[in-house]
Amino acid sequence: MKIKRGDRVVIIAGSDRAEGEERARGKIVKRVDHKKDRLIVQGSNLVKRHIRKGMTYRGERFDRGQIINQENWIHVSNVQLCCPKCGPVKVKIERTELPENPNRPNGPQFFKKRVCKKCGHGFDEKPE
């Protein structure tokens, strides 16, 4: 899966599909489940959860019953990674060779990073 926690994504399918200005900005990924290929996107796919009186939910105790909204899982095929320069884009994985190091054991000498196919922006690089 090419999406990680903290990435900006655009929802491209479903009832929460992004349009207009929201499509250019994207939303932040809160959680990722790599085994099921699903993720939670901030403020998307909201479902109502019924809380009973005296119930503890996410570390908070409720003295009276109520209904709260929470984000639900979205399949990874329904989102697209959002480049800060281009907007929603496809991503490729580049392998760059690491410099020789005598202390490193023999094995793959490559570093993988995600790169925008349009502009070449690296998603795994730290902002300077």
N, C-alpha and C. Protein backbone atom coordinates (compact mmCIF):
# COMPACT_ATOMS: atom_id res chain seq x y z
N MET A 1 0.85 -1.17 0.00
CA MET A 1 0.00 0.00 0.00
C MET A 1 0.90 1.24 0.00
N LYS A 2 0.55 2.22 -0.82
CA LYS A 2 1.39 3.40 -0.98
C LYS A 2 0.94 4.58 -0.12
N ILE A 3 -0.02 4.36 0.78
CA ILE A 3 -0.52 5.44 1.63
C ILE A 3 -0.14 5.15 3.07
N LYS A 4 0.32 6.19 3.78
CA LYS A 4 0.74 6.05 5.17
C LYS A 4 -0.02 7.04 6.05
N ARG A 5 0.05 6.83 7.36
CA ARG A 5 -0.60 7.73 8.30
C ARG A 5 0.00 9.13 8.18
N GLY A 6 -0.86 10.15 8.17
CA GLY A 6 -0.40 11.53 8.07
C GLY A 6 -0.37 12.06 6.65
N ASP A 7 -0.57 11.20 5.65
CA ASP A 7 -0.61 11.65 4.25
C ASP A 7 -1.91 12.39 3.98
N ARG A 8 -1.88 13.26 2.95
CA ARG A 8 -3.10 13.91 2.48
C ARG A 8 -3.64 13.10 1.32
N VAL A 9 -4.95 12.76 1.40
CA VAL A 9 -5.58 11.97 0.35
C VAL A 9 -6.88 12.65 -0.08
N VAL A 10 -7.35 12.29 -1.28
CA VAL A 10 -8.61 12.75 -1.82
C VAL A 10 -9.49 11.53 -2.01
N ILE A 11 -10.74 11.62 -1.56
CA ILE A 11 -11.68 10.52 -1.73
C ILE A 11 -12.24 10.62 -3.15
N ILE A 12 -12.05 9.55 -3.94
CA ILE A 12 -12.44 9.59 -5.35
C ILE A 12 -13.69 8.79 -5.64
N ALA A 13 -14.21 8.03 -4.66
CA ALA A 13 -15.41 7.23 -4.88
C ALA A 13 -16.21 7.16 -3.59
N GLY A 14 -17.52 7.03 -3.73
CA GLY A 14 -18.39 6.90 -2.57
C GLY A 14 -19.16 8.18 -2.29
N SER A 15 -19.92 8.16 -1.20
CA SER A 15 -20.79 9.29 -0.88
C SER A 15 -20.00 10.52 -0.42
N ASP A 16 -18.78 10.34 0.07
CA ASP A 16 -17.95 11.46 0.53
C ASP A 16 -16.96 11.92 -0.53
N ARG A 17 -17.24 11.63 -1.80
CA ARG A 17 -16.31 11.98 -2.88
C ARG A 17 -16.04 13.48 -2.89
N ALA A 18 -14.77 13.84 -3.01
CA ALA A 18 -14.36 15.25 -2.96
C ALA A 18 -14.60 15.93 -4.30
N GLU A 19 -15.02 17.19 -4.21
CA GLU A 19 -15.23 18.00 -5.41
C GLU A 19 -14.76 19.42 -5.12
N GLY A 20 -14.40 20.14 -6.17
CA GLY A 20 -14.03 21.55 -6.04
C GLY A 20 -12.75 21.76 -5.26
N GLU A 21 -12.78 22.73 -4.33
CA GLU A 21 -11.59 23.11 -3.59
C GLU A 21 -11.11 22.00 -2.66
N GLU A 22 -12.05 21.22 -2.14
CA GLU A 22 -11.67 20.12 -1.25
C GLU A 22 -10.82 19.09 -1.99
N ARG A 23 -11.06 18.93 -3.30
CA ARG A 23 -10.30 17.98 -4.10
C ARG A 23 -8.84 18.40 -4.23
N ALA A 24 -8.58 19.71 -4.23
CA ALA A 24 -7.21 20.19 -4.37
C ALA A 24 -6.43 20.05 -3.06
N ARG A 25 -7.12 20.21 -1.91
CA ARG A 25 -6.44 20.18 -0.62
C ARG A 25 -6.28 18.78 -0.07
N GLY A 26 -7.35 18.00 -0.10
CA GLY A 26 -7.31 16.65 0.45
C GLY A 26 -7.54 16.65 1.94
N LYS A 27 -7.62 15.44 2.52
CA LYS A 27 -7.82 15.27 3.95
C LYS A 27 -6.73 14.36 4.49
N ILE A 28 -6.52 14.42 5.80
CA ILE A 28 -5.41 13.70 6.43
C ILE A 28 -5.83 12.29 6.84
N VAL A 29 -4.94 11.32 6.63
CA VAL A 29 -5.17 9.93 7.03
C VAL A 29 -4.85 9.80 8.51
N LYS A 30 -5.80 9.26 9.29
CA LYS A 30 -5.61 9.10 10.73
C LYS A 30 -5.05 7.73 11.10
N ARG A 31 -5.59 6.66 10.48
CA ARG A 31 -5.15 5.29 10.78
C ARG A 31 -5.09 4.48 9.50
N VAL A 32 -4.22 3.46 9.49
CA VAL A 32 -4.07 2.59 8.32
C VAL A 32 -4.06 1.14 8.79
N ASP A 33 -4.83 0.30 8.12
CA ASP A 33 -4.83 -1.14 8.37
C ASP A 33 -4.28 -1.82 7.12
N HIS A 34 -3.02 -2.24 7.17
CA HIS A 34 -2.36 -2.80 6.00
C HIS A 34 -2.88 -4.19 5.64
N LYS A 35 -3.35 -4.95 6.63
CA LYS A 35 -3.84 -6.29 6.35
C LYS A 35 -5.15 -6.27 5.57
N LYS A 36 -6.03 -5.32 5.89
CA LYS A 36 -7.33 -5.25 5.23
C LYS A 36 -7.38 -4.19 4.13
N ASP A 37 -6.28 -3.48 3.89
CA ASP A 37 -6.21 -2.41 2.88
C ASP A 37 -7.27 -1.34 3.12
N ARG A 38 -7.40 -0.91 4.35
CA ARG A 38 -8.38 0.11 4.70
C ARG A 38 -7.72 1.20 5.52
N LEU A 39 -8.35 2.39 5.50
CA LEU A 39 -7.82 3.51 6.27
C LEU A 39 -8.95 4.39 6.77
N ILE A 40 -8.64 5.19 7.81
CA ILE A 40 -9.59 6.16 8.34
C ILE A 40 -9.11 7.54 7.94
N VAL A 41 -9.99 8.30 7.27
CA VAL A 41 -9.67 9.64 6.81
C VAL A 41 -10.42 10.63 7.69
N GLN A 42 -9.73 11.68 8.12
CA GLN A 42 -10.30 12.66 9.04
C GLN A 42 -11.55 13.32 8.45
N GLY A 43 -12.68 13.23 9.18
CA GLY A 43 -13.91 13.89 8.79
C GLY A 43 -14.66 13.25 7.63
N SER A 44 -14.35 12.01 7.28
CA SER A 44 -15.01 11.35 6.15
C SER A 44 -15.64 10.04 6.59
N ASN A 45 -16.66 9.62 5.85
CA ASN A 45 -17.38 8.37 6.10
C ASN A 45 -17.88 8.32 7.54
N LEU A 46 -18.59 9.37 7.97
CA LEU A 46 -19.07 9.46 9.34
C LEU A 46 -20.24 8.51 9.57
N VAL A 47 -20.21 7.81 10.70
CA VAL A 47 -21.30 6.96 11.13
C VAL A 47 -21.71 7.38 12.54
N LYS A 48 -22.97 7.10 12.89
CA LYS A 48 -23.46 7.44 14.22
C LYS A 48 -23.24 6.26 15.14
N ARG A 49 -22.73 6.55 16.33
CA ARG A 49 -22.48 5.51 17.33
C ARG A 49 -23.31 5.84 18.57
N HIS A 50 -24.06 4.88 19.05
CA HIS A 50 -24.93 5.08 20.21
C HIS A 50 -24.15 4.70 21.47
N ILE A 51 -24.09 5.63 22.42
CA ILE A 51 -23.36 5.43 23.66
C ILE A 51 -24.39 5.29 24.79
N ARG A 52 -24.28 4.22 25.57
CA ARG A 52 -25.18 4.00 26.70
C ARG A 52 -24.71 4.79 27.92
N LYS A 53 -25.61 4.99 28.84
CA LYS A 53 -25.31 5.69 30.08
C LYS A 53 -24.27 4.89 30.87
N GLY A 54 -23.24 5.57 31.36
CA GLY A 54 -22.20 4.94 32.15
C GLY A 54 -21.14 4.22 31.34
N MET A 55 -21.20 4.31 30.02
CA MET A 55 -20.26 3.60 29.16
C MET A 55 -18.98 4.42 28.98
N THR A 56 -17.85 3.75 28.91
CA THR A 56 -16.58 4.41 28.61
C THR A 56 -16.24 4.13 27.16
N TYR A 57 -15.96 5.22 26.40
CA TYR A 57 -15.66 5.08 24.98
C TYR A 57 -14.50 5.99 24.65
N ARG A 58 -13.41 5.41 24.14
CA ARG A 58 -12.18 6.13 23.78
C ARG A 58 -11.66 6.96 24.95
N GLY A 59 -11.67 6.35 26.14
CA GLY A 59 -11.11 7.00 27.33
C GLY A 59 -12.00 8.04 27.97
N GLU A 60 -13.22 8.20 27.48
CA GLU A 60 -14.13 9.20 28.02
C GLU A 60 -15.36 8.50 28.59
N ARG A 61 -15.72 8.86 29.82
CA ARG A 61 -16.89 8.25 30.46
C ARG A 61 -18.10 9.14 30.23
N PHE A 62 -19.22 8.52 29.82
CA PHE A 62 -20.46 9.25 29.53
C PHE A 62 -21.46 9.01 30.66
N ASP A 63 -21.90 10.10 31.31
CA ASP A 63 -22.87 9.99 32.40
C ASP A 63 -24.29 9.83 31.88
N ARG A 64 -24.55 10.26 30.66
CA ARG A 64 -25.87 10.07 30.06
C ARG A 64 -25.68 9.54 28.64
N GLY A 65 -26.66 8.82 28.16
CA GLY A 65 -26.57 8.25 26.83
C GLY A 65 -26.65 9.33 25.76
N GLN A 66 -25.97 9.10 24.65
CA GLN A 66 -26.00 10.05 23.54
C GLN A 66 -25.56 9.38 22.25
N ILE A 67 -25.70 10.11 21.17
CA ILE A 67 -25.30 9.62 19.85
C ILE A 67 -24.15 10.50 19.38
N ILE A 68 -23.02 9.87 19.00
CA ILE A 68 -21.86 10.63 18.53
C ILE A 68 -21.53 10.21 17.10
N ASN A 69 -20.87 11.11 16.38
CA ASN A 69 -20.39 10.80 15.02
C ASN A 69 -18.93 10.38 15.09
N GLN A 70 -18.58 9.37 14.33
CA GLN A 70 -17.18 8.96 14.26
C GLN A 70 -16.85 8.55 12.84
N GLU A 71 -15.55 8.61 12.49
CA GLU A 71 -15.12 8.20 11.16
C GLU A 71 -15.10 6.68 11.07
N ASN A 72 -15.42 6.16 9.90
CA ASN A 72 -15.41 4.73 9.66
C ASN A 72 -14.33 4.41 8.61
N TRP A 73 -14.00 3.13 8.46
CA TRP A 73 -12.97 2.70 7.53
C TRP A 73 -13.39 2.92 6.08
N ILE A 74 -12.40 3.25 5.21
CA ILE A 74 -12.58 3.40 3.77
C ILE A 74 -11.56 2.50 3.09
N HIS A 75 -11.95 1.84 2.02
CA HIS A 75 -11.00 0.98 1.30
C HIS A 75 -10.00 1.86 0.55
N VAL A 76 -8.78 1.38 0.45
CA VAL A 76 -7.69 2.17 -0.15
C VAL A 76 -7.94 2.45 -1.63
N SER A 77 -8.76 1.64 -2.30
CA SER A 77 -9.05 1.87 -3.72
C SER A 77 -9.94 3.08 -3.94
N ASN A 78 -10.57 3.59 -2.89
CA ASN A 78 -11.47 4.74 -3.00
C ASN A 78 -10.79 6.07 -2.69
N VAL A 79 -9.49 6.06 -2.46
CA VAL A 79 -8.76 7.30 -2.19
C VAL A 79 -7.56 7.41 -3.11
N GLN A 80 -7.07 8.64 -3.26
CA GLN A 80 -5.89 8.90 -4.09
C GLN A 80 -4.99 9.86 -3.34
N LEU A 81 -3.70 9.61 -3.36
CA LEU A 81 -2.74 10.46 -2.68
C LEU A 81 -2.73 11.85 -3.29
N CYS A 82 -2.55 12.88 -2.46
CA CYS A 82 -2.65 14.27 -2.91
C CYS A 82 -1.27 14.93 -2.79
N CYS A 83 -0.72 15.37 -3.91
CA CYS A 83 0.57 16.07 -3.94
C CYS A 83 0.34 17.53 -3.55
N PRO A 84 1.20 18.15 -2.72
CA PRO A 84 1.00 19.55 -2.35
C PRO A 84 1.15 20.50 -3.53
N LYS A 85 1.85 20.09 -4.58
CA LYS A 85 2.04 20.96 -5.74
C LYS A 85 0.99 20.72 -6.82
N CYS A 86 0.64 19.45 -7.08
CA CYS A 86 -0.21 19.09 -8.22
C CYS A 86 -1.66 18.79 -7.87
N GLY A 87 -1.94 18.37 -6.66
CA GLY A 87 -3.28 17.89 -6.30
C GLY A 87 -3.29 16.37 -6.34
N PRO A 88 -4.44 15.74 -6.63
CA PRO A 88 -4.50 14.28 -6.66
C PRO A 88 -3.63 13.70 -7.78
N VAL A 89 -2.76 12.77 -7.44
CA VAL A 89 -1.82 12.21 -8.41
C VAL A 89 -1.63 10.71 -8.20
N LYS A 90 -1.02 10.09 -9.19
CA LYS A 90 -0.57 8.71 -9.03
C LYS A 90 0.87 8.76 -8.51
N VAL A 91 1.27 7.69 -7.86
CA VAL A 91 2.57 7.65 -7.19
C VAL A 91 3.38 6.49 -7.72
N LYS A 92 4.67 6.72 -7.89
CA LYS A 92 5.57 5.63 -8.23
C LYS A 92 6.60 5.50 -7.11
N ILE A 93 7.23 4.35 -7.04
CA ILE A 93 8.23 4.11 -6.01
C ILE A 93 9.59 4.08 -6.67
N GLU A 94 10.47 4.98 -6.24
CA GLU A 94 11.84 5.04 -6.78
C GLU A 94 12.79 4.36 -5.80
N ARG A 95 13.73 3.66 -6.37
CA ARG A 95 14.78 3.05 -5.55
C ARG A 95 16.06 3.82 -5.78
N THR A 96 16.65 4.31 -4.71
CA THR A 96 17.93 5.01 -4.81
C THR A 96 18.99 4.18 -4.08
N GLU A 97 20.13 4.11 -4.69
CA GLU A 97 21.20 3.30 -4.12
C GLU A 97 21.86 4.03 -2.96
N LEU A 98 22.11 3.30 -1.88
CA LEU A 98 22.76 3.88 -0.71
C LEU A 98 24.27 3.85 -0.93
N PRO A 99 24.99 4.80 -0.34
CA PRO A 99 26.45 4.79 -0.47
C PRO A 99 27.06 3.57 0.24
N GLU A 100 28.23 3.19 -0.21
CA GLU A 100 28.93 2.05 0.38
C GLU A 100 29.21 2.31 1.86
N ASN A 101 28.98 1.28 2.69
CA ASN A 101 29.25 1.38 4.12
C ASN A 101 29.83 0.06 4.58
N PRO A 102 31.07 0.04 5.09
CA PRO A 102 31.68 -1.24 5.49
C PRO A 102 31.00 -1.87 6.70
N ASN A 103 30.26 -1.10 7.50
CA ASN A 103 29.62 -1.65 8.69
C ASN A 103 28.27 -2.31 8.40
N ARG A 104 27.69 -2.08 7.22
CA ARG A 104 26.40 -2.64 6.87
C ARG A 104 26.58 -4.06 6.34
N PRO A 105 25.76 -5.00 6.82
CA PRO A 105 25.88 -6.38 6.31
C PRO A 105 25.43 -6.46 4.85
N ASN A 106 25.82 -7.52 4.19
CA ASN A 106 25.44 -7.70 2.78
C ASN A 106 23.93 -7.86 2.68
N GLY A 107 23.36 -7.28 1.67
CA GLY A 107 21.92 -7.32 1.47
C GLY A 107 21.53 -6.22 0.51
N PRO A 108 20.23 -5.91 0.44
CA PRO A 108 19.81 -4.86 -0.48
C PRO A 108 20.37 -3.51 -0.06
N GLN A 109 21.00 -2.84 -0.97
CA GLN A 109 21.63 -1.56 -0.70
C GLN A 109 20.82 -0.42 -1.32
N PHE A 110 19.48 -0.48 -1.17
CA PHE A 110 18.61 0.50 -1.78
C PHE A 110 17.70 1.13 -0.74
N PHE A 111 17.24 2.34 -1.04
CA PHE A 111 16.27 3.05 -0.23
C PHE A 111 15.07 3.34 -1.12
N LYS A 112 13.85 2.98 -0.68
CA LYS A 112 12.65 3.22 -1.46
C LYS A 112 11.98 4.50 -1.00
N LYS A 113 11.49 5.30 -1.95
CA LYS A 113 10.71 6.48 -1.59
C LYS A 113 9.59 6.68 -2.59
N ARG A 114 8.48 7.26 -2.12
CA ARG A 114 7.32 7.52 -2.97
C ARG A 114 7.50 8.87 -3.66
N VAL A 115 7.20 8.91 -4.97
CA VAL A 115 7.43 10.10 -5.78
C VAL A 115 6.19 10.37 -6.64
N CYS A 116 5.82 11.64 -6.77
CA CYS A 116 4.71 12.06 -7.62
C CYS A 116 5.09 11.82 -9.08
N LYS A 117 4.17 11.24 -9.86
CA LYS A 117 4.47 10.97 -11.27
C LYS A 117 4.46 12.23 -12.12
N LYS A 118 3.72 13.28 -11.70
CA LYS A 118 3.65 14.51 -12.49
C LYS A 118 4.88 15.39 -12.29
N CYS A 119 5.18 15.73 -11.02
CA CYS A 119 6.20 16.74 -10.76
C CYS A 119 7.48 16.18 -10.12
N GLY A 120 7.46 14.95 -9.65
CA GLY A 120 8.64 14.37 -9.04
C GLY A 120 8.83 14.70 -7.57
N HIS A 121 7.81 15.27 -6.92
CA HIS A 121 7.88 15.61 -5.49
C HIS A 121 7.98 14.33 -4.67
N GLY A 122 8.90 14.29 -3.72
CA GLY A 122 9.07 13.12 -2.85
C GLY A 122 8.17 13.22 -1.63
N PHE A 123 7.36 12.19 -1.37
CA PHE A 123 6.44 12.22 -0.24
C PHE A 123 7.13 11.84 1.07
N ASP A 124 8.21 11.09 1.00
CA ASP A 124 8.88 10.63 2.22
C ASP A 124 10.01 11.54 2.67
N GLU A 125 10.20 12.64 1.96
CA GLU A 125 11.27 13.57 2.33
C GLU A 125 10.79 14.50 3.43
N LYS A 126 11.67 14.84 4.36
CA LYS A 126 11.33 15.77 5.41
C LYS A 126 11.38 17.20 4.87
N PRO A 127 10.39 18.05 5.21
CA PRO A 127 10.43 19.44 4.73
C PRO A 127 11.60 20.20 5.33
N GLU A 128 12.27 20.97 4.53
CA GLU A 128 13.45 21.72 4.99
C GLU A 128 13.11 23.14 5.30
